[in-house]
């Protein structure tokens, strides 16, 4: 039997789990916007990241290609820029255009998130290291 890697939605009451994306090769990174209307899913196996609209019932619609890069982990900032990991951290604006590259001294960056008191510290995990970077924007 063929195994599939899929994305699921769990209702807030934890009673129902629904498969919401089953057409991806190897979904890894996932992040939603603060308003709950948009979901980004990185398909590391296909080397692509997609963006979806989120319906009130948690289902996804309007799948579209965000960029030609997959990712292990991902985060988003207050301006809607999406951070994808791999060879360092690549930053894409909301239109899916790469606007910045953050290099790290390791072969692979796995996860990225904002933290700190003001959420303006970017944390990057890479191989056997954790890097921090003070940012001008805050994470969402």
N, C-alpha and C. Protein backbone atom coordinates (compact mmCIF):
# COMPACT_ATOMS: atom_id res chain seq x y z
N UNK A 1 0.83 -1.17 0.00
CA UNK A 1 0.00 0.00 0.00
C UNK A 1 0.89 1.25 0.00
N UNK A 2 0.55 2.18 -0.88
CA UNK A 2 1.32 3.42 -0.98
C UNK A 2 1.03 4.33 0.21
N UNK A 3 2.09 4.87 0.80
CA UNK A 3 1.92 5.81 1.89
C UNK A 3 1.96 7.22 1.33
N UNK A 4 1.10 8.08 1.85
CA UNK A 4 1.05 9.47 1.45
C UNK A 4 1.36 10.35 2.65
N UNK A 5 2.01 11.44 2.38
CA UNK A 5 2.22 12.45 3.40
C UNK A 5 1.21 13.56 3.13
N UNK A 6 0.41 13.88 4.12
CA UNK A 6 -0.70 14.82 3.94
C UNK A 6 -0.69 15.87 5.04
N UNK A 7 -1.57 16.84 4.90
CA UNK A 7 -1.77 17.88 5.89
C UNK A 7 -3.20 17.74 6.42
N UNK A 8 -3.34 17.88 7.74
CA UNK A 8 -4.63 17.67 8.39
C UNK A 8 -5.03 18.91 9.19
N UNK A 9 -6.34 19.05 9.38
CA UNK A 9 -6.91 20.12 10.20
C UNK A 9 -7.64 19.47 11.38
N UNK A 10 -7.36 19.94 12.59
CA UNK A 10 -8.06 19.46 13.77
C UNK A 10 -8.95 20.59 14.29
N UNK A 11 -10.21 20.29 14.54
CA UNK A 11 -11.13 21.30 15.04
C UNK A 11 -10.69 21.78 16.43
N UNK A 12 -11.04 23.01 16.77
CA UNK A 12 -10.62 23.55 18.07
C UNK A 12 -11.03 22.70 19.27
N UNK A 13 -12.11 21.91 19.14
CA UNK A 13 -12.54 21.05 20.26
C UNK A 13 -11.80 19.70 20.27
N UNK A 14 -10.87 19.52 19.34
CA UNK A 14 -10.04 18.31 19.24
C UNK A 14 -10.84 17.05 18.92
N UNK A 15 -12.05 17.17 18.42
CA UNK A 15 -12.90 16.00 18.17
C UNK A 15 -12.86 15.51 16.74
N UNK A 16 -12.49 16.37 15.79
CA UNK A 16 -12.53 15.98 14.39
C UNK A 16 -11.22 16.33 13.71
N UNK A 17 -10.68 15.36 12.98
CA UNK A 17 -9.48 15.57 12.18
C UNK A 17 -9.86 15.33 10.72
N UNK A 18 -9.49 16.30 9.87
CA UNK A 18 -9.85 16.22 8.46
C UNK A 18 -8.60 16.41 7.60
N UNK A 19 -8.43 15.56 6.62
CA UNK A 19 -7.34 15.74 5.67
C UNK A 19 -7.68 16.92 4.78
N UNK A 20 -6.78 17.89 4.70
CA UNK A 20 -7.07 19.09 3.91
C UNK A 20 -6.14 19.27 2.71
N UNK A 21 -5.03 18.53 2.67
CA UNK A 21 -4.13 18.58 1.52
C UNK A 21 -3.48 17.22 1.36
N UNK A 22 -3.75 16.57 0.23
CA UNK A 22 -3.19 15.24 0.01
C UNK A 22 -2.49 15.11 -1.34
N UNK A 23 -2.20 16.24 -1.97
CA UNK A 23 -1.58 16.20 -3.29
C UNK A 23 -0.14 16.74 -3.27
N UNK A 24 0.51 16.68 -2.12
CA UNK A 24 1.88 17.15 -1.97
C UNK A 24 2.83 15.97 -1.89
N UNK A 25 4.08 16.17 -2.28
CA UNK A 25 5.08 15.11 -2.24
C UNK A 25 5.56 14.84 -0.81
N UNK A 26 6.02 15.90 -0.15
CA UNK A 26 6.53 15.77 1.22
C UNK A 26 6.33 17.09 1.96
N UNK A 27 5.11 17.33 2.46
CA UNK A 27 4.87 18.58 3.18
C UNK A 27 5.69 18.64 4.45
N UNK A 28 6.29 19.79 4.72
CA UNK A 28 7.12 19.96 5.91
C UNK A 28 6.74 21.24 6.63
N UNK A 29 7.25 22.37 6.17
CA UNK A 29 6.98 23.64 6.81
C UNK A 29 5.54 24.07 6.59
N UNK A 30 4.96 24.70 7.60
CA UNK A 30 3.58 25.18 7.50
C UNK A 30 3.43 26.39 8.42
N UNK A 31 2.79 27.44 7.90
CA UNK A 31 2.55 28.64 8.71
C UNK A 31 1.29 29.33 8.19
N UNK A 32 0.50 29.84 9.11
CA UNK A 32 -0.68 30.59 8.74
C UNK A 32 -0.51 32.06 9.07
N UNK A 33 -1.27 32.90 8.40
CA UNK A 33 -1.23 34.32 8.69
C UNK A 33 -2.01 34.60 9.97
N UNK A 34 -1.70 35.72 10.61
CA UNK A 34 -2.31 36.07 11.90
C UNK A 34 -3.82 36.21 11.81
N UNK A 35 -4.34 36.60 10.65
CA UNK A 35 -5.78 36.77 10.50
C UNK A 35 -6.51 35.46 10.25
N UNK A 36 -5.76 34.35 10.12
CA UNK A 36 -6.37 33.03 9.93
C UNK A 36 -6.94 32.80 8.54
N UNK A 37 -6.58 33.62 7.57
CA UNK A 37 -7.18 33.51 6.24
C UNK A 37 -6.29 32.85 5.20
N UNK A 38 -4.99 32.74 5.50
CA UNK A 38 -4.04 32.24 4.50
C UNK A 38 -3.11 31.21 5.15
N UNK A 39 -2.82 30.13 4.41
CA UNK A 39 -1.92 29.09 4.88
C UNK A 39 -0.84 28.84 3.83
N UNK A 40 0.40 28.80 4.29
CA UNK A 40 1.54 28.45 3.44
C UNK A 40 1.98 27.04 3.82
N UNK A 41 2.19 26.20 2.81
CA UNK A 41 2.70 24.85 3.03
C UNK A 41 3.91 24.63 2.14
N UNK A 42 5.04 24.31 2.75
CA UNK A 42 6.25 24.00 2.00
C UNK A 42 6.27 22.52 1.68
N UNK A 43 6.45 22.21 0.41
CA UNK A 43 6.59 20.83 -0.05
C UNK A 43 8.07 20.61 -0.35
N UNK A 44 8.80 20.15 0.67
CA UNK A 44 10.25 20.00 0.52
C UNK A 44 10.60 18.96 -0.54
N UNK A 45 9.75 17.95 -0.70
CA UNK A 45 10.00 16.91 -1.69
C UNK A 45 9.87 17.39 -3.12
N UNK A 46 9.00 18.35 -3.36
CA UNK A 46 8.80 18.91 -4.70
C UNK A 46 9.57 20.21 -4.91
N UNK A 47 10.23 20.68 -3.85
CA UNK A 47 10.98 21.94 -3.90
C UNK A 47 10.09 23.12 -4.31
N UNK A 48 8.92 23.17 -3.65
CA UNK A 48 7.96 24.25 -3.91
C UNK A 48 7.25 24.62 -2.62
N UNK A 49 6.74 25.84 -2.55
CA UNK A 49 5.89 26.26 -1.45
C UNK A 49 4.60 26.80 -2.05
N UNK A 50 3.49 26.38 -1.47
CA UNK A 50 2.17 26.78 -1.96
C UNK A 50 1.48 27.66 -0.93
N UNK A 51 0.53 28.44 -1.41
CA UNK A 51 -0.28 29.28 -0.55
C UNK A 51 -1.75 28.96 -0.84
N UNK A 52 -2.55 28.93 0.23
CA UNK A 52 -3.96 28.57 0.13
C UNK A 52 -4.81 29.61 0.88
N UNK A 53 -6.06 29.68 0.50
CA UNK A 53 -7.05 30.41 1.30
C UNK A 53 -7.64 29.42 2.30
N UNK A 54 -7.87 29.87 3.52
CA UNK A 54 -8.47 29.02 4.56
C UNK A 54 -9.94 29.40 4.71
N UNK A 55 -10.81 28.42 4.59
CA UNK A 55 -12.25 28.64 4.79
C UNK A 55 -12.57 28.62 6.28
N UNK A 56 -13.75 29.11 6.63
CA UNK A 56 -14.16 29.14 8.04
C UNK A 56 -14.20 27.74 8.67
N UNK A 57 -14.46 26.72 7.86
CA UNK A 57 -14.52 25.36 8.40
C UNK A 57 -13.15 24.67 8.41
N UNK A 58 -12.08 25.41 8.06
CA UNK A 58 -10.74 24.87 8.09
C UNK A 58 -10.26 24.24 6.79
N UNK A 59 -11.14 24.12 5.82
CA UNK A 59 -10.72 23.55 4.54
C UNK A 59 -9.92 24.59 3.75
N UNK A 60 -9.17 24.10 2.80
CA UNK A 60 -8.33 24.96 1.98
C UNK A 60 -8.89 25.08 0.57
N UNK A 61 -8.65 26.23 -0.04
CA UNK A 61 -9.06 26.44 -1.43
C UNK A 61 -8.06 27.37 -2.11
N UNK A 62 -8.20 27.50 -3.41
CA UNK A 62 -7.41 28.44 -4.20
C UNK A 62 -5.91 28.19 -4.05
N UNK A 63 -5.49 26.92 -4.18
CA UNK A 63 -4.05 26.58 -4.10
C UNK A 63 -3.32 27.25 -5.24
N UNK A 64 -2.20 27.91 -4.90
CA UNK A 64 -1.38 28.53 -5.92
C UNK A 64 0.09 28.43 -5.51
N UNK A 65 0.96 28.40 -6.51
CA UNK A 65 2.39 28.33 -6.25
C UNK A 65 2.85 29.65 -5.65
N UNK A 66 3.52 29.57 -4.51
CA UNK A 66 4.08 30.76 -3.87
C UNK A 66 5.50 31.00 -4.36
N UNK A 67 6.33 29.93 -4.33
CA UNK A 67 7.71 30.05 -4.82
C UNK A 67 8.25 28.67 -5.15
N UNK A 68 9.34 28.66 -5.90
CA UNK A 68 10.01 27.43 -6.33
C UNK A 68 11.08 27.04 -5.33
N UNK A 69 10.67 26.86 -4.08
CA UNK A 69 11.59 26.42 -3.03
C UNK A 69 10.78 25.69 -1.97
N UNK A 70 11.25 24.53 -1.57
CA UNK A 70 10.64 23.83 -0.45
C UNK A 70 11.30 24.31 0.83
N UNK A 71 10.90 23.76 1.95
CA UNK A 71 11.46 24.18 3.22
C UNK A 71 11.19 23.14 4.28
N UNK A 72 12.06 23.11 5.28
CA UNK A 72 11.85 22.26 6.44
C UNK A 72 10.98 23.01 7.44
N UNK A 73 11.41 24.19 7.84
CA UNK A 73 10.65 25.02 8.76
C UNK A 73 10.36 26.36 8.11
N UNK A 74 9.44 27.10 8.69
CA UNK A 74 9.13 28.42 8.13
C UNK A 74 8.46 29.30 9.16
N UNK A 75 8.53 30.60 8.92
CA UNK A 75 7.85 31.57 9.78
C UNK A 75 7.44 32.76 8.92
N UNK A 76 6.74 33.69 9.55
CA UNK A 76 6.23 34.86 8.84
C UNK A 76 6.39 36.08 9.73
N UNK A 77 6.64 37.23 9.12
CA UNK A 77 6.79 38.45 9.92
C UNK A 77 5.57 39.35 9.78
N UNK A 78 5.58 40.46 10.51
CA UNK A 78 4.43 41.36 10.56
C UNK A 78 4.14 42.04 9.23
N UNK A 79 5.08 42.02 8.30
CA UNK A 79 4.87 42.60 6.98
C UNK A 79 4.39 41.57 5.96
N UNK A 80 4.23 40.32 6.43
CA UNK A 80 3.77 39.26 5.54
C UNK A 80 4.88 38.56 4.78
N UNK A 81 6.14 38.85 5.12
CA UNK A 81 7.26 38.16 4.48
C UNK A 81 7.38 36.75 5.07
N UNK A 82 7.67 35.79 4.20
CA UNK A 82 7.74 34.38 4.59
C UNK A 82 9.21 33.94 4.56
N UNK A 83 9.65 33.28 5.64
CA UNK A 83 11.03 32.84 5.80
C UNK A 83 11.07 31.33 5.64
N UNK A 84 11.87 30.85 4.67
CA UNK A 84 12.00 29.43 4.39
C UNK A 84 13.43 28.98 4.70
N UNK A 85 13.56 27.76 5.22
CA UNK A 85 14.88 27.25 5.57
C UNK A 85 15.40 26.29 4.52
N UNK A 86 16.70 26.09 4.57
CA UNK A 86 17.41 25.19 3.66
C UNK A 86 18.87 25.56 3.76
N UNK A 87 19.41 26.08 2.69
CA UNK A 87 20.78 26.61 2.71
C UNK A 87 20.67 28.01 3.29
N UNK A 88 20.68 28.11 4.61
CA UNK A 88 20.41 29.37 5.29
C UNK A 88 18.91 29.62 5.33
N UNK A 89 18.53 30.88 5.37
CA UNK A 89 17.13 31.27 5.40
C UNK A 89 16.86 32.21 4.23
N UNK A 90 15.89 31.87 3.41
CA UNK A 90 15.49 32.71 2.28
C UNK A 90 14.21 33.43 2.67
N UNK A 91 14.15 34.73 2.40
CA UNK A 91 13.00 35.55 2.76
C UNK A 91 12.28 35.97 1.49
N UNK A 92 10.97 35.72 1.46
CA UNK A 92 10.13 36.05 0.31
C UNK A 92 9.07 37.06 0.73
N UNK A 93 8.81 38.03 -0.15
CA UNK A 93 7.73 38.98 0.14
C UNK A 93 6.39 38.30 -0.12
N UNK A 94 5.26 38.94 0.22
CA UNK A 94 3.95 38.30 0.05
C UNK A 94 3.63 37.90 -1.39
N UNK A 95 4.32 38.48 -2.37
CA UNK A 95 4.10 38.12 -3.77
C UNK A 95 4.93 36.90 -4.20
N UNK A 96 5.74 36.35 -3.28
CA UNK A 96 6.54 35.18 -3.59
C UNK A 96 7.88 35.50 -4.23
N UNK A 97 8.31 36.75 -4.15
CA UNK A 97 9.60 37.17 -4.70
C UNK A 97 10.65 37.13 -3.60
N UNK A 98 11.80 36.52 -3.91
CA UNK A 98 12.87 36.45 -2.92
C UNK A 98 13.46 37.85 -2.73
N UNK A 99 13.48 38.30 -1.46
CA UNK A 99 13.97 39.65 -1.17
C UNK A 99 15.23 39.65 -0.31
N UNK A 100 15.57 38.52 0.29
CA UNK A 100 16.74 38.50 1.16
C UNK A 100 17.21 37.06 1.36
N UNK A 101 18.50 36.92 1.60
CA UNK A 101 19.10 35.63 1.95
C UNK A 101 19.87 35.82 3.24
N UNK A 102 19.60 34.99 4.23
CA UNK A 102 20.34 35.02 5.49
C UNK A 102 21.19 33.76 5.54
N UNK A 103 22.49 33.95 5.40
CA UNK A 103 23.41 32.81 5.40
C UNK A 103 23.79 32.44 6.83
N UNK A 104 24.00 31.15 7.04
CA UNK A 104 24.53 30.65 8.31
C UNK A 104 25.73 29.77 7.99
N UNK A 105 26.59 29.58 8.97
CA UNK A 105 27.85 28.84 8.76
C UNK A 105 27.66 27.33 8.90
N UNK A 106 26.54 26.83 8.44
CA UNK A 106 26.27 25.39 8.45
C UNK A 106 25.67 25.03 7.10
N UNK A 107 25.68 23.74 6.77
CA UNK A 107 25.16 23.30 5.47
C UNK A 107 23.63 23.36 5.37
N UNK A 108 22.94 23.28 6.52
CA UNK A 108 21.49 23.17 6.46
C UNK A 108 20.85 23.88 7.64
N UNK A 109 19.89 24.74 7.36
CA UNK A 109 19.06 25.36 8.40
C UNK A 109 17.73 24.62 8.41
N UNK A 110 17.32 24.16 9.58
CA UNK A 110 16.12 23.32 9.67
C UNK A 110 14.88 24.10 10.07
N UNK A 111 14.98 24.95 11.08
CA UNK A 111 13.80 25.65 11.57
C UNK A 111 14.13 27.11 11.83
N UNK A 112 13.07 27.91 11.81
CA UNK A 112 13.21 29.35 12.01
C UNK A 112 11.94 29.86 12.68
N UNK A 113 12.10 30.76 13.64
CA UNK A 113 10.95 31.36 14.31
C UNK A 113 11.35 32.69 14.93
N UNK A 114 10.37 33.52 15.19
CA UNK A 114 10.61 34.77 15.90
C UNK A 114 10.34 34.56 17.38
N UNK A 115 11.09 35.26 18.22
CA UNK A 115 10.88 35.17 19.66
C UNK A 115 11.46 36.39 20.33
N UNK A 116 11.67 36.25 21.63
CA UNK A 116 12.17 37.37 22.42
C UNK A 116 11.02 38.23 22.91
N UNK A 117 11.35 39.15 23.78
CA UNK A 117 10.34 39.99 24.42
C UNK A 117 9.48 40.76 23.42
N UNK A 118 10.11 41.29 22.37
CA UNK A 118 9.39 42.06 21.37
C UNK A 118 9.14 41.30 20.07
N UNK A 119 9.45 39.99 20.06
CA UNK A 119 9.32 39.12 18.88
C UNK A 119 10.13 39.62 17.69
N UNK A 120 11.23 40.31 17.96
CA UNK A 120 12.09 40.82 16.89
C UNK A 120 13.43 40.08 16.84
N UNK A 121 13.51 38.94 17.52
CA UNK A 121 14.70 38.10 17.45
C UNK A 121 14.37 36.90 16.58
N UNK A 122 15.13 36.71 15.52
CA UNK A 122 14.94 35.56 14.65
C UNK A 122 15.85 34.44 15.15
N UNK A 123 15.26 33.28 15.45
CA UNK A 123 16.00 32.10 15.89
C UNK A 123 16.08 31.12 14.72
N UNK A 124 17.28 30.65 14.44
CA UNK A 124 17.51 29.72 13.34
C UNK A 124 18.24 28.50 13.90
N UNK A 125 17.67 27.30 13.71
CA UNK A 125 18.38 26.08 14.08
C UNK A 125 19.05 25.53 12.82
N UNK A 126 20.32 25.16 12.96
CA UNK A 126 21.09 24.68 11.81
C UNK A 126 22.08 23.63 12.29
N UNK A 127 21.91 22.42 11.82
CA UNK A 127 22.79 21.30 12.19
C UNK A 127 22.91 21.22 13.71
N UNK A 128 24.07 21.59 14.26
CA UNK A 128 24.29 21.48 15.70
C UNK A 128 24.36 22.86 16.37
N UNK A 129 23.75 23.86 15.74
CA UNK A 129 23.85 25.23 16.25
C UNK A 129 22.51 25.94 16.24
N UNK A 130 22.42 26.97 17.08
CA UNK A 130 21.26 27.87 17.06
C UNK A 130 21.82 29.28 16.86
N UNK A 131 21.26 29.97 15.89
CA UNK A 131 21.68 31.34 15.59
C UNK A 131 20.55 32.29 15.96
N UNK A 132 20.90 33.50 16.39
CA UNK A 132 19.91 34.54 16.64
C UNK A 132 20.31 35.77 15.85
N UNK A 133 19.30 36.49 15.42
CA UNK A 133 19.52 37.68 14.62
C UNK A 133 18.48 38.71 15.02
N UNK A 134 18.93 39.89 15.41
CA UNK A 134 17.99 40.97 15.74
C UNK A 134 17.43 41.52 14.44
N UNK A 135 16.10 41.64 14.38
CA UNK A 135 15.43 42.08 13.16
C UNK A 135 14.77 43.44 13.38
N UNK A 136 14.50 44.16 12.28
CA UNK A 136 13.77 45.43 12.38
C UNK A 136 12.26 45.18 12.42
N UNK A 137 11.83 43.97 12.02
CA UNK A 137 10.41 43.62 12.03
C UNK A 137 10.17 42.54 13.09
N UNK A 138 8.93 42.44 13.51
CA UNK A 138 8.54 41.41 14.47
C UNK A 138 7.88 40.25 13.75
N UNK A 139 7.94 39.10 14.39
CA UNK A 139 7.25 37.94 13.86
C UNK A 139 5.77 37.98 14.22
N UNK A 140 4.99 37.27 13.44
CA UNK A 140 3.54 37.17 13.69
C UNK A 140 3.20 35.78 14.14
